Amino acid sequence: MSETAPRQDSAQDHDILAELQAEVAQDLADERPPAGGPAYQLVSSLVVLVLGAAAAVLAYGYGLGSLRRPGPGLWPFVVSVLIVALGLVLLLRGRGLDDAEKFTRSSLLVVIGGATFLALGVLLPVVGFEIPAVLLGIVWLRFLGGESWRSTIVISVLTTVAFYLLFLYALSIPLPHLIAF
């Protein structure tokens, strides 16, 4: 009798686990946006290719230097080339995939996030690092992420201070800035 009880408990546990996994899988399927199909795969791979190529050109303009004396554009160039390579793989192999999602209103959040990041790059030389970085954090956390005002302000300020200390003091990267410690 003692040998049968553990087997029954194990079978019941397995059934409960399988039921729970099926329920979670159904919930995830219900929340997933509608599939976009091959056209969406093509568009997304082309966007990745264009962004990667543009970033590579910009990084090259900063100067690559050499492996012994890397220029400021070396690592952004390497990452950009990897992005282009992944975009090519997606372009060539992605046509048969069905995991691309249709563009919805929530897709606009990605565009807004990218636009605010570009705005940071434009404002950086004009008003310094601190103000655009805090504003970027506020937009991303509060308006795009739906965080509370308290956590938005605290995280935005602390993140800006951390990047400020990292870039200006730990890495000695001369970012334009308003505040000097």
N, C-alpha and C. Protein backbone atom coordinates (compact mmCIF):
# COMPACT_ATOMS: atom_id res chain seq x y z
N MET A 1 0.82 -1.20 0.00
CA MET A 1 0.00 0.00 0.00
C MET A 1 0.86 1.25 0.00
N SER A 2 1.96 1.25 0.70
CA SER A 2 2.81 2.43 0.79
C SER A 2 3.47 2.75 -0.54
N GLU A 3 3.68 1.74 -1.39
CA GLU A 3 4.29 2.00 -2.70
C GLU A 3 3.29 2.64 -3.66
N THR A 4 2.02 2.35 -3.51
CA THR A 4 1.01 2.87 -4.43
C THR A 4 0.70 4.33 -4.15
N ALA A 5 0.70 4.73 -2.89
CA ALA A 5 0.34 6.11 -2.54
C ALA A 5 1.29 7.13 -3.15
N PRO A 6 2.62 6.95 -3.07
CA PRO A 6 3.49 7.94 -3.70
C PRO A 6 3.30 8.01 -5.21
N ARG A 7 3.00 6.88 -5.84
CA ARG A 7 2.78 6.90 -7.29
C ARG A 7 1.52 7.67 -7.66
N GLN A 8 0.46 7.51 -6.84
CA GLN A 8 -0.78 8.24 -7.10
C GLN A 8 -0.56 9.74 -6.89
N ASP A 9 0.15 10.11 -5.83
CA ASP A 9 0.44 11.52 -5.58
C ASP A 9 1.26 12.10 -6.72
N SER A 10 2.23 11.36 -7.20
CA SER A 10 3.06 11.82 -8.30
C SER A 10 2.24 12.01 -9.57
N ALA A 11 1.34 11.09 -9.84
CA ALA A 11 0.47 11.19 -11.02
C ALA A 11 -0.46 12.39 -10.88
N GLN A 12 -0.98 12.62 -9.68
CA GLN A 12 -1.86 13.77 -9.46
C GLN A 12 -1.09 15.08 -9.63
N ASP A 13 0.11 15.12 -9.08
CA ASP A 13 0.95 16.31 -9.23
C ASP A 13 1.24 16.58 -10.70
N HIS A 14 1.52 15.53 -11.45
CA HIS A 14 1.81 15.66 -12.88
C HIS A 14 0.58 16.19 -13.62
N ASP A 15 -0.60 15.68 -13.26
CA ASP A 15 -1.84 16.15 -13.90
C ASP A 15 -2.11 17.61 -13.59
N ILE A 16 -1.89 17.99 -12.33
CA ILE A 16 -2.10 19.39 -11.93
C ILE A 16 -1.12 20.30 -12.67
N LEU A 17 0.14 19.87 -12.76
CA LEU A 17 1.15 20.66 -13.46
C LEU A 17 0.81 20.80 -14.94
N ALA A 18 0.37 19.72 -15.57
CA ALA A 18 0.00 19.77 -16.99
C ALA A 18 -1.20 20.68 -17.20
N GLU A 19 -2.15 20.64 -16.30
CA GLU A 19 -3.33 21.51 -16.40
C GLU A 19 -2.94 22.98 -16.24
N LEU A 20 -2.07 23.24 -15.29
CA LEU A 20 -1.59 24.61 -15.06
C LEU A 20 -0.81 25.13 -16.26
N GLN A 21 0.05 24.31 -16.84
CA GLN A 21 0.80 24.70 -18.03
C GLN A 21 -0.12 24.99 -19.20
N ALA A 22 -1.15 24.19 -19.37
CA ALA A 22 -2.11 24.41 -20.46
C ALA A 22 -2.87 25.72 -20.25
N GLU A 23 -3.22 26.00 -19.00
CA GLU A 23 -3.93 27.25 -18.69
C GLU A 23 -3.06 28.47 -18.96
N VAL A 24 -1.80 28.42 -18.56
CA VAL A 24 -0.87 29.53 -18.80
C VAL A 24 -0.65 29.72 -20.29
N ALA A 25 -0.46 28.62 -21.03
CA ALA A 25 -0.28 28.71 -22.48
C ALA A 25 -1.49 29.34 -23.15
N GLN A 26 -2.70 29.00 -22.69
CA GLN A 26 -3.92 29.58 -23.26
C GLN A 26 -4.01 31.07 -22.94
N ASP A 27 -3.66 31.45 -21.72
CA ASP A 27 -3.68 32.87 -21.34
C ASP A 27 -2.71 33.68 -22.21
N LEU A 28 -1.52 33.13 -22.43
CA LEU A 28 -0.53 33.82 -23.27
C LEU A 28 -1.03 33.93 -24.71
N ALA A 29 -1.65 32.89 -25.21
CA ALA A 29 -2.17 32.93 -26.58
C ALA A 29 -3.30 33.94 -26.71
N ASP A 30 -4.13 34.08 -25.67
CA ASP A 30 -5.23 35.04 -25.71
C ASP A 30 -4.74 36.48 -25.70
N GLU A 31 -3.59 36.74 -25.02
CA GLU A 31 -3.07 38.10 -24.91
C GLU A 31 -2.19 38.50 -26.08
N ARG A 32 -1.79 37.56 -26.89
CA ARG A 32 -0.86 37.85 -27.99
C ARG A 32 -1.56 38.64 -29.09
N PRO A 33 -0.89 39.68 -29.62
CA PRO A 33 -1.49 40.43 -30.73
C PRO A 33 -1.64 39.53 -31.96
N PRO A 34 -2.49 39.94 -32.89
CA PRO A 34 -2.70 39.11 -34.09
C PRO A 34 -1.42 38.97 -34.91
N ALA A 35 -1.29 37.82 -35.57
CA ALA A 35 -0.11 37.56 -36.40
C ALA A 35 -0.12 38.46 -37.62
N GLY A 36 1.09 38.87 -38.04
CA GLY A 36 1.21 39.78 -39.16
C GLY A 36 1.46 39.09 -40.49
N GLY A 37 2.13 37.96 -40.45
CA GLY A 37 2.41 37.25 -41.69
C GLY A 37 3.73 37.65 -42.32
N PRO A 38 4.00 37.12 -43.51
CA PRO A 38 5.30 37.32 -44.18
C PRO A 38 5.61 38.78 -44.51
N ALA A 39 4.62 39.57 -44.84
CA ALA A 39 4.88 40.98 -45.17
C ALA A 39 5.45 41.72 -43.96
N TYR A 40 4.94 41.42 -42.79
CA TYR A 40 5.44 42.06 -41.58
C TYR A 40 6.86 41.60 -41.26
N GLN A 41 7.15 40.32 -41.53
CA GLN A 41 8.52 39.83 -41.35
C GLN A 41 9.47 40.58 -42.28
N LEU A 42 9.07 40.76 -43.51
CA LEU A 42 9.89 41.46 -44.49
C LEU A 42 10.14 42.91 -44.06
N VAL A 43 9.08 43.59 -43.67
CA VAL A 43 9.21 44.99 -43.25
C VAL A 43 10.12 45.11 -42.03
N SER A 44 9.93 44.24 -41.05
CA SER A 44 10.75 44.34 -39.83
C SER A 44 12.22 44.05 -40.13
N SER A 45 12.49 43.10 -41.01
CA SER A 45 13.90 42.81 -41.34
C SER A 45 14.52 43.97 -42.12
N LEU A 46 13.76 44.61 -42.98
CA LEU A 46 14.28 45.76 -43.72
C LEU A 46 14.54 46.95 -42.80
N VAL A 47 13.68 47.14 -41.81
CA VAL A 47 13.89 48.22 -40.84
C VAL A 47 15.17 47.96 -40.05
N VAL A 48 15.37 46.71 -39.63
CA VAL A 48 16.59 46.36 -38.90
C VAL A 48 17.82 46.61 -39.77
N LEU A 49 17.75 46.22 -41.03
CA LEU A 49 18.87 46.43 -41.95
C LEU A 49 19.19 47.90 -42.13
N VAL A 50 18.18 48.70 -42.35
CA VAL A 50 18.38 50.14 -42.58
C VAL A 50 18.96 50.80 -41.33
N LEU A 51 18.39 50.50 -40.17
CA LEU A 51 18.90 51.10 -38.93
C LEU A 51 20.34 50.66 -38.65
N GLY A 52 20.63 49.38 -38.86
CA GLY A 52 22.00 48.89 -38.65
C GLY A 52 22.99 49.54 -39.60
N ALA A 53 22.61 49.66 -40.88
CA ALA A 53 23.50 50.28 -41.87
C ALA A 53 23.72 51.76 -41.55
N ALA A 54 22.65 52.47 -41.18
CA ALA A 54 22.78 53.89 -40.84
C ALA A 54 23.69 54.06 -39.62
N ALA A 55 23.52 53.20 -38.63
CA ALA A 55 24.37 53.28 -37.43
C ALA A 55 25.82 52.98 -37.77
N ALA A 56 26.05 52.04 -38.69
CA ALA A 56 27.42 51.71 -39.09
C ALA A 56 28.08 52.89 -39.79
N VAL A 57 27.33 53.57 -40.64
CA VAL A 57 27.88 54.74 -41.34
C VAL A 57 28.21 55.85 -40.34
N LEU A 58 27.31 56.10 -39.39
CA LEU A 58 27.57 57.12 -38.37
C LEU A 58 28.77 56.75 -37.51
N ALA A 59 28.85 55.49 -37.11
CA ALA A 59 29.97 55.05 -36.28
C ALA A 59 31.29 55.16 -37.03
N TYR A 60 31.28 54.83 -38.31
CA TYR A 60 32.48 54.95 -39.12
C TYR A 60 32.96 56.40 -39.18
N GLY A 61 32.00 57.32 -39.22
CA GLY A 61 32.32 58.75 -39.24
C GLY A 61 33.02 59.22 -37.98
N TYR A 62 32.81 58.53 -36.86
CA TYR A 62 33.49 58.89 -35.62
C TYR A 62 34.93 58.42 -35.59
N GLY A 63 35.27 57.54 -36.49
CA GLY A 63 36.64 57.00 -36.55
C GLY A 63 36.74 55.67 -35.83
N LEU A 64 37.27 54.68 -36.54
CA LEU A 64 37.37 53.35 -35.96
C LEU A 64 38.65 53.14 -35.19
N GLY A 65 39.72 53.80 -35.60
CA GLY A 65 41.00 53.58 -34.94
C GLY A 65 41.51 52.18 -35.26
N SER A 66 42.18 51.55 -34.31
CA SER A 66 42.68 50.19 -34.49
C SER A 66 42.32 49.39 -33.24
N LEU A 67 42.63 48.10 -33.27
CA LEU A 67 42.33 47.29 -32.09
C LEU A 67 43.20 47.68 -30.90
N ARG A 68 44.41 48.14 -31.17
CA ARG A 68 45.28 48.59 -30.08
C ARG A 68 44.90 49.97 -29.56
N ARG A 69 44.43 50.83 -30.46
CA ARG A 69 44.00 52.18 -30.08
C ARG A 69 42.63 52.42 -30.71
N PRO A 70 41.58 51.85 -30.11
CA PRO A 70 40.25 51.98 -30.70
C PRO A 70 39.76 53.42 -30.70
N GLY A 71 39.12 53.79 -31.81
CA GLY A 71 38.51 55.10 -31.90
C GLY A 71 37.12 55.06 -31.29
N PRO A 72 36.48 56.21 -31.18
CA PRO A 72 35.16 56.26 -30.54
C PRO A 72 34.07 55.53 -31.33
N GLY A 73 34.31 55.27 -32.61
CA GLY A 73 33.29 54.60 -33.41
C GLY A 73 33.47 53.11 -33.55
N LEU A 74 34.54 52.54 -32.96
CA LEU A 74 34.82 51.12 -33.18
C LEU A 74 33.72 50.21 -32.65
N TRP A 75 33.40 50.31 -31.37
CA TRP A 75 32.39 49.41 -30.81
C TRP A 75 31.00 49.67 -31.36
N PRO A 76 30.58 50.92 -31.55
CA PRO A 76 29.28 51.11 -32.22
C PRO A 76 29.27 50.53 -33.63
N PHE A 77 30.41 50.59 -34.32
CA PHE A 77 30.50 50.02 -35.66
C PHE A 77 30.36 48.50 -35.61
N VAL A 78 31.04 47.86 -34.65
CA VAL A 78 30.96 46.40 -34.51
C VAL A 78 29.53 45.98 -34.21
N VAL A 79 28.88 46.66 -33.30
CA VAL A 79 27.49 46.34 -32.96
C VAL A 79 26.58 46.56 -34.16
N SER A 80 26.82 47.62 -34.91
CA SER A 80 26.01 47.91 -36.10
C SER A 80 26.16 46.83 -37.16
N VAL A 81 27.39 46.35 -37.35
CA VAL A 81 27.61 45.27 -38.31
C VAL A 81 26.88 44.01 -37.86
N LEU A 82 26.88 43.73 -36.56
CA LEU A 82 26.14 42.58 -36.05
C LEU A 82 24.63 42.75 -36.28
N ILE A 83 24.14 43.96 -36.10
CA ILE A 83 22.72 44.23 -36.36
C ILE A 83 22.39 44.00 -37.82
N VAL A 84 23.25 44.46 -38.71
CA VAL A 84 23.04 44.24 -40.16
C VAL A 84 23.05 42.74 -40.46
N ALA A 85 23.99 42.01 -39.87
CA ALA A 85 24.06 40.56 -40.11
C ALA A 85 22.78 39.87 -39.63
N LEU A 86 22.31 40.25 -38.45
CA LEU A 86 21.07 39.66 -37.94
C LEU A 86 19.87 40.06 -38.80
N GLY A 87 19.87 41.29 -39.31
CA GLY A 87 18.81 41.71 -40.23
C GLY A 87 18.81 40.89 -41.50
N LEU A 88 20.01 40.57 -42.01
CA LEU A 88 20.11 39.73 -43.21
C LEU A 88 19.60 38.31 -42.94
N VAL A 89 19.97 37.77 -41.79
CA VAL A 89 19.47 36.44 -41.42
C VAL A 89 17.96 36.47 -41.33
N LEU A 90 17.41 37.48 -40.70
CA LEU A 90 15.95 37.61 -40.59
C LEU A 90 15.32 37.76 -41.96
N LEU A 91 15.95 38.50 -42.83
CA LEU A 91 15.42 38.69 -44.19
C LEU A 91 15.41 37.37 -44.96
N LEU A 92 16.49 36.61 -44.85
CA LEU A 92 16.60 35.38 -45.63
C LEU A 92 15.83 34.21 -45.00
N ARG A 93 15.86 34.10 -43.69
CA ARG A 93 15.24 32.95 -43.04
C ARG A 93 13.87 33.28 -42.44
N GLY A 94 13.59 34.54 -42.26
CA GLY A 94 12.38 34.93 -41.55
C GLY A 94 11.10 34.85 -42.36
N ARG A 95 11.22 34.72 -43.67
CA ARG A 95 10.00 34.70 -44.48
C ARG A 95 9.11 33.51 -44.14
N GLY A 96 9.70 32.43 -43.69
CA GLY A 96 8.91 31.25 -43.35
C GLY A 96 8.37 31.26 -41.93
N LEU A 97 8.76 32.25 -41.14
CA LEU A 97 8.30 32.31 -39.76
C LEU A 97 6.92 32.95 -39.68
N ASP A 98 6.20 32.63 -38.63
CA ASP A 98 4.88 33.21 -38.47
C ASP A 98 4.73 33.96 -37.14
N ASP A 99 5.85 34.39 -36.57
CA ASP A 99 5.78 35.03 -35.26
C ASP A 99 5.77 36.55 -35.31
N ALA A 100 5.75 37.13 -36.50
CA ALA A 100 5.65 38.60 -36.59
C ALA A 100 4.24 39.02 -36.19
N GLU A 101 4.16 40.11 -35.47
CA GLU A 101 2.87 40.61 -35.02
C GLU A 101 2.43 41.77 -35.90
N LYS A 102 1.11 41.91 -36.06
CA LYS A 102 0.59 43.06 -36.79
C LYS A 102 0.90 44.33 -36.02
N PHE A 103 1.07 45.41 -36.75
CA PHE A 103 1.28 46.69 -36.11
C PHE A 103 -0.04 47.15 -35.50
N THR A 104 0.02 47.50 -34.23
CA THR A 104 -1.16 47.95 -33.51
C THR A 104 -0.84 49.30 -32.88
N ARG A 105 -1.78 49.81 -32.09
CA ARG A 105 -1.53 51.07 -31.39
C ARG A 105 -0.33 50.96 -30.46
N SER A 106 -0.12 49.79 -29.87
CA SER A 106 1.02 49.62 -28.97
C SER A 106 2.34 49.63 -29.73
N SER A 107 2.30 49.36 -31.03
CA SER A 107 3.53 49.44 -31.84
C SER A 107 4.03 50.88 -31.90
N LEU A 108 3.12 51.82 -31.76
CA LEU A 108 3.48 53.23 -31.78
C LEU A 108 4.38 53.59 -30.59
N LEU A 109 4.26 52.85 -29.50
CA LEU A 109 5.11 53.12 -28.33
C LEU A 109 6.59 52.94 -28.67
N VAL A 110 6.89 51.97 -29.52
CA VAL A 110 8.28 51.75 -29.93
C VAL A 110 8.78 52.94 -30.74
N VAL A 111 7.95 53.45 -31.62
CA VAL A 111 8.32 54.61 -32.43
C VAL A 111 8.53 55.83 -31.54
N ILE A 112 7.65 56.02 -30.58
CA ILE A 112 7.80 57.16 -29.65
C ILE A 112 9.07 57.01 -28.83
N GLY A 113 9.35 55.80 -28.36
CA GLY A 113 10.58 55.55 -27.60
C GLY A 113 11.82 55.87 -28.43
N GLY A 114 11.82 55.45 -29.68
CA GLY A 114 12.96 55.75 -30.57
C GLY A 114 13.10 57.23 -30.84
N ALA A 115 11.96 57.91 -31.04
CA ALA A 115 12.00 59.34 -31.31
C ALA A 115 12.52 60.12 -30.10
N THR A 116 12.13 59.72 -28.90
CA THR A 116 12.62 60.42 -27.71
C THR A 116 14.11 60.16 -27.50
N PHE A 117 14.56 58.97 -27.88
CA PHE A 117 15.99 58.68 -27.77
C PHE A 117 16.78 59.53 -28.76
N LEU A 118 16.24 59.73 -29.96
CA LEU A 118 16.88 60.62 -30.94
C LEU A 118 16.88 62.06 -30.42
N ALA A 119 15.78 62.46 -29.76
CA ALA A 119 15.71 63.80 -29.19
C ALA A 119 16.80 63.99 -28.13
N LEU A 120 17.08 62.94 -27.35
CA LEU A 120 18.19 63.01 -26.39
C LEU A 120 19.49 63.31 -27.11
N GLY A 121 19.73 62.64 -28.22
CA GLY A 121 20.96 62.87 -28.99
C GLY A 121 21.05 64.26 -29.54
N VAL A 122 19.91 64.84 -29.94
CA VAL A 122 19.90 66.19 -30.49
C VAL A 122 20.10 67.22 -29.37
N LEU A 123 19.46 66.99 -28.23
CA LEU A 123 19.54 67.96 -27.13
C LEU A 123 20.85 67.89 -26.35
N LEU A 124 21.51 66.76 -26.38
CA LEU A 124 22.73 66.56 -25.60
C LEU A 124 23.78 67.65 -25.82
N PRO A 125 24.15 67.97 -27.06
CA PRO A 125 25.17 69.03 -27.23
C PRO A 125 24.63 70.43 -26.95
N VAL A 126 23.32 70.60 -26.95
CA VAL A 126 22.73 71.93 -26.77
C VAL A 126 22.59 72.28 -25.29
N VAL A 127 22.02 71.37 -24.50
CA VAL A 127 21.74 71.68 -23.10
C VAL A 127 22.46 70.76 -22.12
N GLY A 128 23.30 69.88 -22.61
CA GLY A 128 24.03 68.98 -21.73
C GLY A 128 23.31 67.64 -21.55
N PHE A 129 23.88 66.82 -20.70
CA PHE A 129 23.42 65.45 -20.51
C PHE A 129 22.26 65.34 -19.53
N GLU A 130 22.29 66.11 -18.46
CA GLU A 130 21.41 65.89 -17.33
C GLU A 130 19.92 66.08 -17.65
N ILE A 131 19.55 67.20 -18.21
CA ILE A 131 18.14 67.50 -18.45
C ILE A 131 17.52 66.52 -19.46
N PRO A 132 18.13 66.31 -20.63
CA PRO A 132 17.54 65.35 -21.57
C PRO A 132 17.47 63.93 -21.02
N ALA A 133 18.45 63.51 -20.22
CA ALA A 133 18.43 62.16 -19.67
C ALA A 133 17.29 61.98 -18.67
N VAL A 134 17.08 62.96 -17.81
CA VAL A 134 15.96 62.89 -16.86
C VAL A 134 14.63 62.91 -17.62
N LEU A 135 14.51 63.78 -18.62
CA LEU A 135 13.27 63.84 -19.41
C LEU A 135 13.02 62.53 -20.15
N LEU A 136 14.06 61.92 -20.69
CA LEU A 136 13.92 60.63 -21.36
C LEU A 136 13.40 59.58 -20.38
N GLY A 137 13.97 59.54 -19.20
CA GLY A 137 13.50 58.60 -18.19
C GLY A 137 12.05 58.82 -17.82
N ILE A 138 11.66 60.08 -17.70
CA ILE A 138 10.26 60.40 -17.35
C ILE A 138 9.32 59.94 -18.46
N VAL A 139 9.65 60.25 -19.70
CA VAL A 139 8.78 59.85 -20.81
C VAL A 139 8.68 58.33 -20.89
N TRP A 140 9.82 57.65 -20.81
CA TRP A 140 9.80 56.19 -20.93
C TRP A 140 9.08 55.52 -19.77
N LEU A 141 9.35 55.96 -18.55
CA LEU A 141 8.77 55.29 -17.40
C LEU A 141 7.30 55.66 -17.18
N ARG A 142 7.00 56.95 -17.19
CA ARG A 142 5.63 57.38 -16.86
C ARG A 142 4.67 57.22 -18.03
N PHE A 143 5.05 57.75 -19.19
CA PHE A 143 4.11 57.80 -20.30
C PHE A 143 4.12 56.54 -21.16
N LEU A 144 5.25 55.91 -21.33
CA LEU A 144 5.30 54.69 -22.12
C LEU A 144 5.16 53.45 -21.24
N GLY A 145 5.65 53.52 -20.01
CA GLY A 145 5.62 52.35 -19.13
C GLY A 145 4.51 52.35 -18.09
N GLY A 146 3.88 53.50 -17.87
CA GLY A 146 2.77 53.57 -16.93
C GLY A 146 3.17 53.48 -15.46
N GLU A 147 4.40 53.83 -15.13
CA GLU A 147 4.85 53.80 -13.74
C GLU A 147 4.24 54.97 -12.96
N SER A 148 4.28 54.87 -11.64
CA SER A 148 3.78 55.96 -10.80
C SER A 148 4.74 57.14 -10.90
N TRP A 149 4.24 58.33 -10.54
CA TRP A 149 5.09 59.52 -10.60
C TRP A 149 6.28 59.38 -9.65
N ARG A 150 6.04 58.84 -8.46
CA ARG A 150 7.12 58.73 -7.48
C ARG A 150 8.25 57.85 -8.01
N SER A 151 7.91 56.66 -8.49
CA SER A 151 8.98 55.78 -8.99
C SER A 151 9.60 56.34 -10.25
N THR A 152 8.82 57.02 -11.07
CA THR A 152 9.36 57.63 -12.29
C THR A 152 10.42 58.66 -11.96
N ILE A 153 10.13 59.56 -11.04
CA ILE A 153 11.08 60.62 -10.67
C ILE A 153 12.32 60.01 -10.03
N VAL A 154 12.13 59.11 -9.07
CA VAL A 154 13.27 58.53 -8.36
C VAL A 154 14.17 57.76 -9.32
N ILE A 155 13.59 56.90 -10.15
CA ILE A 155 14.39 56.09 -11.08
C ILE A 155 15.06 56.96 -12.13
N SER A 156 14.34 57.95 -12.66
CA SER A 156 14.93 58.83 -13.68
C SER A 156 16.12 59.60 -13.15
N VAL A 157 15.99 60.15 -11.96
CA VAL A 157 17.09 60.92 -11.38
C VAL A 157 18.26 60.02 -11.01
N LEU A 158 17.98 58.89 -10.35
CA LEU A 158 19.07 58.00 -9.96
C LEU A 158 19.79 57.39 -11.16
N THR A 159 19.04 57.06 -12.20
CA THR A 159 19.66 56.52 -13.41
C THR A 159 20.54 57.57 -14.08
N THR A 160 20.06 58.80 -14.14
CA THR A 160 20.86 59.88 -14.72
C THR A 160 22.13 60.11 -13.92
N VAL A 161 22.04 60.11 -12.60
CA VAL A 161 23.22 60.28 -11.75
C VAL A 161 24.20 59.12 -11.96
N ALA A 162 23.68 57.90 -12.05
CA ALA A 162 24.55 56.73 -12.25
C ALA A 162 25.29 56.82 -13.58
N PHE A 163 24.56 57.17 -14.66
CA PHE A 163 25.22 57.30 -15.97
C PHE A 163 26.19 58.48 -15.99
N TYR A 164 25.83 59.55 -15.31
CA TYR A 164 26.70 60.71 -15.21
C TYR A 164 28.03 60.32 -14.58
N LEU A 165 27.96 59.64 -13.44
CA LEU A 165 29.17 59.21 -12.75
C LEU A 165 29.95 58.18 -13.56
N LEU A 166 29.24 57.27 -14.19
CA LEU A 166 29.89 56.24 -15.00
C LEU A 166 30.65 56.85 -16.17
N PHE A 167 29.96 57.67 -16.96
CA PHE A 167 30.58 58.20 -18.18
C PHE A 167 31.63 59.27 -17.88
N LEU A 168 31.29 60.24 -17.03
CA LEU A 168 32.20 61.35 -16.81
C LEU A 168 33.38 61.02 -15.90
N TYR A 169 33.16 60.19 -14.89
CA TYR A 169 34.22 59.95 -13.93
C TYR A 169 34.86 58.56 -14.06
N ALA A 170 34.06 57.51 -14.15
CA ALA A 170 34.63 56.17 -14.22
C ALA A 170 35.27 55.90 -15.58
N LEU A 171 34.61 56.35 -16.66
CA LEU A 171 35.13 56.09 -18.00
C LEU A 171 35.83 57.31 -18.62
N SER A 172 35.75 58.44 -17.97
CA SER A 172 36.37 59.70 -18.44
C SER A 172 35.93 60.05 -19.86
N ILE A 173 34.65 59.89 -20.14
CA ILE A 173 34.09 60.26 -21.45
C ILE A 173 33.55 61.68 -21.33
N PRO A 174 34.04 62.58 -22.14
CA PRO A 174 33.66 63.99 -22.00
C PRO A 174 32.28 64.30 -22.58
N LEU A 175 31.23 63.97 -21.82
CA LEU A 175 29.88 64.33 -22.24
C LEU A 175 29.62 65.80 -21.93
N PRO A 176 28.86 66.47 -22.79
CA PRO A 176 28.46 67.83 -22.43
C PRO A 176 27.55 67.78 -21.19
N HIS A 177 27.85 68.58 -20.19
CA HIS A 177 27.06 68.54 -18.97
C HIS A 177 26.99 69.91 -18.32
N LEU A 178 25.95 70.09 -17.53
CA LEU A 178 25.72 71.36 -16.84
C LEU A 178 26.28 71.35 -15.43
N ILE A 179 26.24 70.20 -14.77
CA ILE A 179 26.61 70.11 -13.37
C ILE A 179 28.01 69.50 -13.26
N ALA A 180 28.84 70.12 -12.44
CA ALA A 180 30.19 69.58 -12.22
C ALA A 180 30.33 69.22 -10.74
N PHE A 181 30.76 67.99 -10.50
CA PHE A 181 30.99 67.54 -9.11
C PHE A 181 32.42 67.81 -8.73
